[in-house]
Amino acid sequence: MKLRLSIPRVRARGVGLGNELTSWARAFLAAQVVGAYALKPAFGLNKRRYWRHFGTPRYDWFLHQALEHLLPVVEFKEVDYLRHGGGNFVDAFRNFADVERLHDRSCYLLVTEGMWGGYRHIADARDFVFSTLYQSRFAARNLLRIKQSLHSNKLVVGMHVRLGDFGAAPRDFSDYHGRFNLALPLFWYINIAKSITTILGDEVQFLVVSDGSSEQLKPLLDVIPAVTTTDIPDSDCSDLIALAKADLLVCSVSSYSAWAAFLSDAPYLWFEPNLQHHDSGHYSIWGHEPEQQKENSATQRALLNHISLGDSNTGRGLPIGLDGVVPEGFLQSLVARREHLRIEADLVQYGVVPIRKVGG
């Protein structure tokens, strides 16, 4: 009989959802490679009560600890990932599994933990994470409520305004370089909202997701009429999906926003002072991406130049400075994308489309 289990190890009482999802995605992918059963993270002690969302027992932490004592443990760490080629997680782990003869062993507990590797290495788990979030206990109900509050024919700009458990905004904006988990200045969001509405006017609507209080958000909400989710309980998973489904995402500097951008196919805006500048002519989000910089071809560098000119054919992630000015060409591309996705242009959903004559 085979007993192969794969778990994302949770330390102490665990951390935020964005952090836990990374090791969970790795554990899931590893299980697919070696035919193991993937367990959910041990959320029982997490102060955010994620066990309520994902249906895990309160004693799951005890079960995970017991498994580590009862079964042979195989750990896959960042050093193993790098030693076996890095890059795509599945490729690196498959090499590791071959070396460790995991396909020939019938009983073990595979363990991985930590946020290392970035989002690129777990791209194969994107659908798993999205479906897991959607099928969580409260997500579908909450998403229907959000959808009913939004106009179906207007662009949705999702703003993630993280305030409550983050460090206060520093006085010197250079202190944002390379640092996460700091509250962004509210005027940055306000400037972005003004820039967007100046160009798109009534074509756009705003969805504000925040852990801040109504009083903290008042300066922003006084500028733009927005749908908020502050009155929706148990919205951790639904907020993340709602941000990922927006036509444009305005990120906070957090793993939660990064996950929303990762799960989305839409463009997103990032706080430019947080990024690090390199002599090679690149921004970097982490500060240690030499291989990615090396891979950037002349064509890709030209693409980066187009971003500053407001060309509509930019990449998805756009750095935005303190003035909050969003290039007009970038915004017009959102309108074009929304028109392309309108239900009236969808034969299967709408039932009819205009006849198009091809050729003369």
Protein backbone atom coordinates (compact mmCIF):
# COMPACT_ATOMS: atom_id res chain seq x y z
CA MET A 1 0.00 0.00 0.00
CA LYS A 2 1.24 3.48 -0.89
CA LEU A 3 1.04 6.32 1.60
CA ARG A 4 2.49 9.43 -0.02
CA LEU A 5 1.43 12.74 1.46
CA SER A 6 2.44 16.28 0.55
CA ILE A 7 1.98 19.16 2.99
CA PRO A 8 2.77 22.87 3.09
CA ARG A 9 4.33 23.30 6.51
CA VAL A 10 2.82 26.09 8.62
CA ARG A 11 5.07 27.63 11.25
CA ALA A 12 3.64 28.71 14.62
CA ARG A 13 0.23 30.30 14.07
CA GLY A 14 0.72 30.86 10.37
CA VAL A 15 0.68 34.06 8.33
CA GLY A 16 -1.58 35.88 5.88
CA LEU A 17 -3.40 34.14 3.05
CA GLY A 18 -1.08 35.52 0.35
CA ASN A 19 1.92 34.01 2.13
CA GLU A 20 0.32 30.63 2.80
CA LEU A 21 -0.81 30.17 -0.80
CA THR A 22 2.75 29.96 -2.14
CA SER A 23 3.80 26.85 -0.22
CA TRP A 24 0.32 25.38 -0.67
CA ALA A 25 0.66 25.71 -4.46
CA ARG A 26 4.08 24.00 -4.34
CA ALA A 27 2.78 21.14 -2.22
CA PHE A 28 -0.07 20.63 -4.66
CA LEU A 29 2.22 20.56 -7.71
CA ALA A 30 4.66 18.21 -6.00
CA ALA A 31 1.80 15.83 -5.23
CA GLN A 32 0.83 15.72 -8.90
CA VAL A 33 4.38 14.81 -9.93
CA VAL A 34 4.80 11.85 -7.56
CA GLY A 35 1.19 10.72 -7.19
CA ALA A 36 0.82 11.85 -3.58
CA TYR A 37 -2.19 13.23 -1.72
CA ALA A 38 -1.89 16.95 -1.03
CA LEU A 39 -3.08 18.17 2.36
CA LYS A 40 -4.29 21.69 3.02
CA PRO A 41 -2.21 23.98 5.24
CA ALA A 42 -2.76 23.60 8.98
CA PHE A 43 -4.98 26.64 9.52
CA GLY A 44 -6.28 25.54 12.92
CA LEU A 45 -4.16 27.98 14.92
CA ASN A 46 -4.16 30.85 12.42
CA LYS A 47 -5.59 33.97 14.05
CA ARG A 48 -7.32 34.88 10.77
CA ARG A 49 -9.47 31.72 11.10
CA TYR A 50 -8.85 30.47 7.58
CA TRP A 51 -10.02 27.04 8.73
CA ARG A 52 -13.56 28.37 8.42
CA HIS A 53 -13.01 29.16 4.73
CA PHE A 54 -11.37 25.91 3.68
CA GLY A 55 -13.10 23.39 5.93
CA THR A 56 -10.00 22.25 7.79
CA PRO A 57 -10.30 20.90 11.35
CA ARG A 58 -9.14 22.98 14.30
CA TYR A 59 -6.71 20.21 15.29
CA ASP A 60 -5.02 19.99 11.86
CA TRP A 61 -1.76 21.40 13.24
CA PHE A 62 -1.55 18.44 15.62
CA LEU A 63 -2.16 15.99 12.76
CA HIS A 64 0.59 17.58 10.66
CA GLN A 65 3.05 17.40 13.55
CA ALA A 66 2.13 13.77 14.19
CA LEU A 67 2.66 12.90 10.52
CA GLU A 68 6.16 14.38 10.65
CA HIS A 69 6.97 12.06 13.53
CA LEU A 70 5.33 8.94 12.11
CA LEU A 71 6.36 9.03 8.43
CA PRO A 72 9.73 9.36 6.70
CA VAL A 73 10.04 13.07 5.86
CA VAL A 74 11.33 14.36 2.52
CA GLU A 75 11.85 18.13 2.51
CA PHE A 76 12.02 20.19 -0.64
CA LYS A 77 13.74 23.48 0.16
CA GLU A 78 14.84 26.46 -1.86
CA VAL A 79 18.37 25.05 -2.05
CA ASP A 80 16.96 21.88 -3.64
CA TYR A 81 14.92 23.92 -6.08
CA LEU A 82 18.00 25.86 -7.17
CA ARG A 83 20.23 22.78 -7.25
CA HIS A 84 17.83 21.10 -9.64
CA GLY A 85 17.64 23.94 -12.11
CA GLY A 86 15.26 26.50 -10.60
CA GLY A 87 12.81 28.02 -13.07
CA ASN A 88 9.56 26.09 -13.42
CA PHE A 89 8.81 24.27 -10.17
CA VAL A 90 7.49 21.11 -11.83
CA ASP A 91 10.68 20.68 -13.87
CA ALA A 92 12.94 21.25 -10.87
CA PHE A 93 10.92 19.00 -8.59
CA ARG A 94 10.72 16.24 -11.19
CA ASN A 95 14.55 16.18 -11.29
CA PHE A 96 14.62 16.12 -7.49
CA ALA A 97 12.10 13.27 -7.38
CA ASP A 98 14.16 11.22 -9.82
CA VAL A 99 17.36 11.70 -7.80
CA GLU A 100 15.60 10.86 -4.52
CA ARG A 101 13.79 7.92 -6.18
CA LEU A 102 10.45 9.20 -4.88
CA HIS A 103 8.53 7.27 -7.54
CA ASP A 104 9.93 4.01 -6.15
CA ARG A 105 9.20 4.77 -2.50
CA SER A 106 5.76 3.91 -1.18
CA CYS A 107 5.59 5.77 2.11
CA TYR A 108 6.77 9.29 2.92
CA LEU A 109 5.69 12.80 3.86
CA LEU A 110 6.80 15.45 1.42
CA VAL A 111 7.20 18.84 3.11
CA THR A 112 7.74 22.33 1.66
CA GLU A 113 7.47 25.74 3.30
CA GLY A 114 8.25 29.41 2.77
CA MET A 115 7.62 32.06 0.13
CA TRP A 116 10.77 31.48 -1.91
CA GLY A 117 10.70 31.03 -5.67
CA GLY A 118 8.35 33.84 -6.59
CA TYR A 119 5.14 33.55 -8.57
CA ARG A 120 6.74 32.55 -11.85
CA HIS A 121 7.85 29.14 -10.56
CA ILE A 122 4.32 28.05 -9.52
CA ALA A 123 2.51 29.24 -12.66
CA ASP A 124 1.26 25.66 -13.22
CA ALA A 125 -0.77 25.93 -9.99
CA ARG A 126 -2.67 29.07 -10.96
CA ASP A 127 -5.88 27.24 -11.88
CA PHE A 128 -5.69 25.15 -8.71
CA VAL A 129 -5.37 28.21 -6.50
CA PHE A 130 -8.16 30.10 -8.27
CA SER A 131 -10.57 27.17 -8.07
CA THR A 132 -9.65 26.51 -4.42
CA LEU A 133 -10.39 30.12 -3.50
CA TYR A 134 -13.67 30.12 -5.41
CA GLN A 135 -14.83 26.88 -3.79
CA SER A 136 -14.05 28.14 -0.30
CA ARG A 137 -17.01 28.42 2.03
CA PHE A 138 -18.04 32.07 1.58
CA ALA A 139 -16.53 33.09 -1.77
CA ALA A 140 -19.33 32.34 -4.25
CA ARG A 141 -21.98 34.03 -2.12
CA ASN A 142 -19.84 37.13 -1.59
CA LEU A 143 -18.88 37.40 -5.26
CA LEU A 144 -22.52 37.38 -6.30
CA ARG A 145 -23.16 40.23 -3.88
CA ILE A 146 -20.24 42.21 -5.31
CA LYS A 147 -21.35 41.57 -8.88
CA GLN A 148 -24.86 42.82 -8.15
CA SER A 149 -23.35 46.09 -6.88
CA LEU A 150 -21.38 46.73 -10.09
CA HIS A 151 -22.61 47.98 -13.45
CA SER A 152 -22.17 45.23 -16.03
CA ASN A 153 -21.17 47.55 -18.89
CA LYS A 154 -18.58 49.67 -17.09
CA LEU A 155 -14.89 49.03 -16.59
CA VAL A 156 -14.04 47.85 -13.08
CA VAL A 157 -10.93 49.29 -11.44
CA GLY A 158 -10.12 47.21 -8.37
CA MET A 159 -8.13 49.04 -5.68
CA HIS A 160 -6.44 47.14 -2.88
CA VAL A 161 -5.86 49.64 -0.08
CA ARG A 162 -4.00 47.82 2.70
CA LEU A 163 -3.90 49.84 5.91
CA GLY A 164 -4.86 48.06 9.11
CA ASP A 165 -1.99 45.68 9.83
CA PHE A 166 0.72 47.40 7.80
CA GLY A 167 3.46 49.72 8.97
CA ALA A 168 2.72 53.42 8.61
CA ALA A 169 3.73 55.17 5.41
CA PRO A 170 7.32 56.47 5.76
CA ARG A 171 8.02 60.18 5.45
CA ASP A 172 10.81 59.61 2.93
CA PHE A 173 9.44 57.85 -0.15
CA SER A 174 12.86 56.33 -0.89
CA ASP A 175 12.20 54.11 2.13
CA TYR A 176 9.69 52.20 0.01
CA HIS A 177 12.44 50.80 -2.23
CA GLY A 178 12.36 47.03 -2.09
CA ARG A 179 10.14 46.92 1.02
CA PHE A 180 6.80 45.19 1.38
CA ASN A 181 4.10 45.49 4.05
CA LEU A 182 4.08 49.27 4.27
CA ALA A 183 0.88 51.26 3.87
CA LEU A 184 0.88 53.30 0.67
CA PRO A 185 -0.06 56.98 0.81
CA LEU A 186 -3.78 57.38 0.21
CA PHE A 187 -3.15 60.33 -2.09
CA TRP A 188 -1.49 57.92 -4.57
CA TYR A 189 -4.79 56.06 -4.97
CA ILE A 190 -6.67 59.37 -5.14
CA ASN A 191 -4.37 60.69 -7.88
CA ILE A 192 -4.79 57.48 -9.86
CA ALA A 193 -8.58 57.67 -9.54
CA LYS A 194 -8.57 61.29 -10.74
CA SER A 195 -6.29 60.43 -13.65
CA ILE A 196 -8.53 57.57 -14.76
CA THR A 197 -11.83 59.45 -14.42
CA THR A 198 -10.41 62.48 -16.26
CA ILE A 199 -9.86 60.30 -19.32
CA LEU A 200 -12.61 57.67 -19.05
CA GLY A 201 -15.28 59.60 -17.19
CA ASP A 202 -18.46 57.59 -16.64
CA GLU A 203 -17.09 54.53 -18.44
CA VAL A 204 -15.33 53.40 -15.27
CA GLN A 205 -16.36 52.28 -11.77
CA PHE A 206 -14.21 51.54 -8.73
CA LEU A 207 -14.15 48.56 -6.38
CA VAL A 208 -12.22 49.28 -3.18
CA VAL A 209 -11.01 46.33 -1.14
CA SER A 210 -9.45 47.35 2.15
CA ASP A 211 -8.89 46.44 5.78
CA GLY A 212 -9.08 50.13 6.65
CA SER A 213 -11.95 51.80 8.46
CA SER A 214 -14.54 54.04 6.80
CA GLU A 215 -12.85 57.03 8.42
CA GLN A 216 -9.45 56.04 7.00
CA LEU A 217 -10.91 55.54 3.52
CA LYS A 218 -13.04 58.70 3.56
CA PRO A 219 -10.55 60.92 1.63
CA LEU A 220 -10.59 58.39 -1.22
CA LEU A 221 -14.31 57.66 -1.15
CA ASP A 222 -15.09 61.38 -1.13
CA VAL A 223 -13.29 61.67 -4.49
CA ILE A 224 -14.77 58.64 -6.23
CA PRO A 225 -18.07 56.82 -5.79
CA ALA A 226 -16.96 53.26 -5.16
CA VAL A 227 -18.29 49.86 -4.26
CA THR A 228 -16.52 48.58 -1.15
CA THR A 229 -16.44 45.18 0.53
CA THR A 230 -15.88 46.47 4.05
CA ASP A 231 -19.41 45.43 5.02
CA ILE A 232 -19.05 41.89 3.67
CA PRO A 233 -17.98 39.38 6.36
CA ASP A 234 -15.55 36.54 5.70
CA SER A 235 -14.33 38.16 2.49
CA ASP A 236 -10.66 37.08 2.47
CA CYS A 237 -11.06 34.75 -0.53
CA SER A 238 -13.80 36.62 -2.36
CA ASP A 239 -11.90 39.92 -2.15
CA LEU A 240 -8.86 38.28 -3.72
CA ILE A 241 -10.92 36.84 -6.58
CA ALA A 242 -12.80 40.13 -7.10
CA LEU A 243 -9.50 41.98 -7.45
CA ALA A 244 -8.21 39.34 -9.87
CA LYS A 245 -11.34 39.69 -12.01
CA ALA A 246 -11.20 43.49 -12.26
CA ASP A 247 -10.41 45.11 -15.62
CA LEU A 248 -7.59 47.03 -13.95
CA LEU A 249 -6.00 46.31 -10.60
CA VAL A 250 -4.32 48.96 -8.42
CA CYS A 251 -2.02 47.03 -6.11
CA SER A 252 -0.84 47.61 -2.60
CA VAL A 253 2.72 46.50 -1.86
CA SER A 254 1.70 43.13 -0.44
CA SER A 255 1.69 39.45 -1.30
CA TYR A 256 -2.13 39.62 -1.33
CA SER A 257 -2.09 42.14 -4.19
CA ALA A 258 0.68 40.24 -5.92
CA TRP A 259 -1.48 37.10 -5.83
CA ALA A 260 -4.43 39.04 -7.28
CA ALA A 261 -2.21 40.22 -10.13
CA PHE A 262 -0.82 36.71 -10.60
CA LEU A 263 -4.29 35.16 -10.80
CA SER A 264 -5.50 37.84 -13.20
CA ASP A 265 -5.01 38.26 -16.93
CA ALA A 266 -5.79 41.99 -16.74
CA PRO A 267 -3.36 44.92 -16.43
CA TYR A 268 -2.28 46.19 -13.01
CA LEU A 269 -0.60 49.26 -11.53
CA TRP A 270 2.30 49.10 -9.04
CA PHE A 271 3.67 51.80 -6.72
CA GLU A 272 6.77 53.01 -8.57
CA PRO A 273 8.73 54.19 -5.47
CA ASN A 274 8.67 50.59 -4.23
CA LEU A 275 10.59 49.35 -7.27
CA GLN A 276 14.36 49.33 -7.48
CA HIS A 277 16.11 51.05 -10.36
CA HIS A 278 19.06 49.39 -12.11
CA ASP A 279 21.72 50.81 -14.38
CA SER A 280 20.72 48.23 -16.97
CA GLY A 281 17.56 50.25 -17.55
CA HIS A 282 15.23 47.99 -15.59
CA TYR A 283 12.90 48.22 -12.65
CA SER A 284 12.87 45.21 -10.35
CA ILE A 285 10.35 44.25 -7.73
CA TRP A 286 12.63 42.08 -5.57
CA GLY A 287 16.02 43.51 -6.49
CA HIS A 288 17.73 40.24 -7.42
CA GLU A 289 16.56 39.29 -10.89
CA PRO A 290 19.80 39.28 -12.90
CA GLU A 291 18.68 36.41 -15.11
CA GLN A 292 15.45 38.16 -16.04
CA GLN A 293 17.39 41.33 -16.81
CA LYS A 294 19.75 39.31 -19.00
CA GLU A 295 16.82 37.70 -20.81
CA ASN A 296 15.32 41.06 -21.74
CA SER A 297 15.90 41.42 -25.46
CA ALA A 298 16.14 44.68 -27.35
CA THR A 299 12.49 44.27 -28.25
CA GLN A 300 11.52 43.92 -24.59
CA ARG A 301 13.58 46.97 -23.66
CA ALA A 302 11.78 48.88 -26.37
CA LEU A 303 8.53 47.76 -24.78
CA LEU A 304 9.64 49.27 -21.48
CA ASN A 305 10.34 52.53 -23.27
CA HIS A 306 6.81 52.51 -24.70
CA ILE A 307 5.42 52.33 -21.17
CA SER A 308 6.74 55.78 -20.33
CA LEU A 309 5.26 57.11 -23.57
CA GLY A 310 1.80 55.75 -22.78
CA ASP A 311 1.76 53.26 -25.63
CA SER A 312 -1.25 50.97 -25.41
CA ASN A 313 0.83 47.86 -26.19
CA THR A 314 2.58 47.67 -22.81
CA GLY A 315 3.06 44.74 -20.50
CA ARG A 316 0.50 44.00 -17.79
CA GLY A 317 2.36 45.52 -14.87
CA LEU A 318 2.74 49.31 -15.08
CA PRO A 319 4.77 51.31 -12.52
CA ILE A 320 2.96 54.50 -11.51
CA GLY A 321 4.65 57.42 -9.76
CA LEU A 322 3.41 59.55 -6.90
CA ASP A 323 1.50 61.83 -9.25
CA GLY A 324 -0.78 58.88 -10.10
CA VAL A 325 -0.86 59.74 -13.80
CA VAL A 326 -1.90 56.74 -15.89
CA PRO A 327 -1.00 57.04 -19.62
CA GLU A 328 -4.01 57.72 -21.82
CA GLY A 329 -3.00 55.07 -24.35
CA PHE A 330 -2.89 52.49 -21.58
CA LEU A 331 -6.41 53.41 -20.45
CA GLN A 332 -7.80 53.42 -23.97
CA SER A 333 -6.49 49.87 -24.39
CA LEU A 334 -8.65 48.91 -21.39
CA VAL A 335 -11.71 50.31 -23.13
CA ALA A 336 -10.88 48.31 -26.26
CA ARG A 337 -10.41 45.17 -24.16
CA ARG A 338 -13.75 45.70 -22.43
CA GLU A 339 -15.52 46.20 -25.77
CA HIS A 340 -14.01 42.96 -27.01
CA LEU A 341 -15.41 41.16 -23.95
CA ARG A 342 -18.91 42.65 -24.03
CA ILE A 343 -21.62 40.03 -23.91
CA GLU A 344 -23.26 41.53 -27.00
CA ALA A 345 -20.17 40.50 -28.97
CA ASP A 346 -20.27 36.91 -27.70
CA LEU A 347 -22.17 34.56 -30.00
CA VAL A 348 -22.55 31.76 -27.46
CA GLN A 349 -23.66 33.98 -24.57
CA TYR A 350 -25.74 36.54 -26.46
CA GLY A 351 -27.04 34.34 -29.26
CA VAL A 352 -26.45 36.71 -32.20
CA VAL A 353 -23.61 38.71 -33.70
CA PRO A 354 -23.49 40.89 -36.84
CA ILE A 355 -22.57 39.21 -40.13
CA ARG A 356 -19.11 40.24 -41.22
CA LYS A 357 -18.23 40.16 -44.90
CA VAL A 358 -14.75 38.88 -45.60
CA GLY A 359 -12.86 40.21 -48.60
CA GLY A 360 -14.42 42.29 -51.42
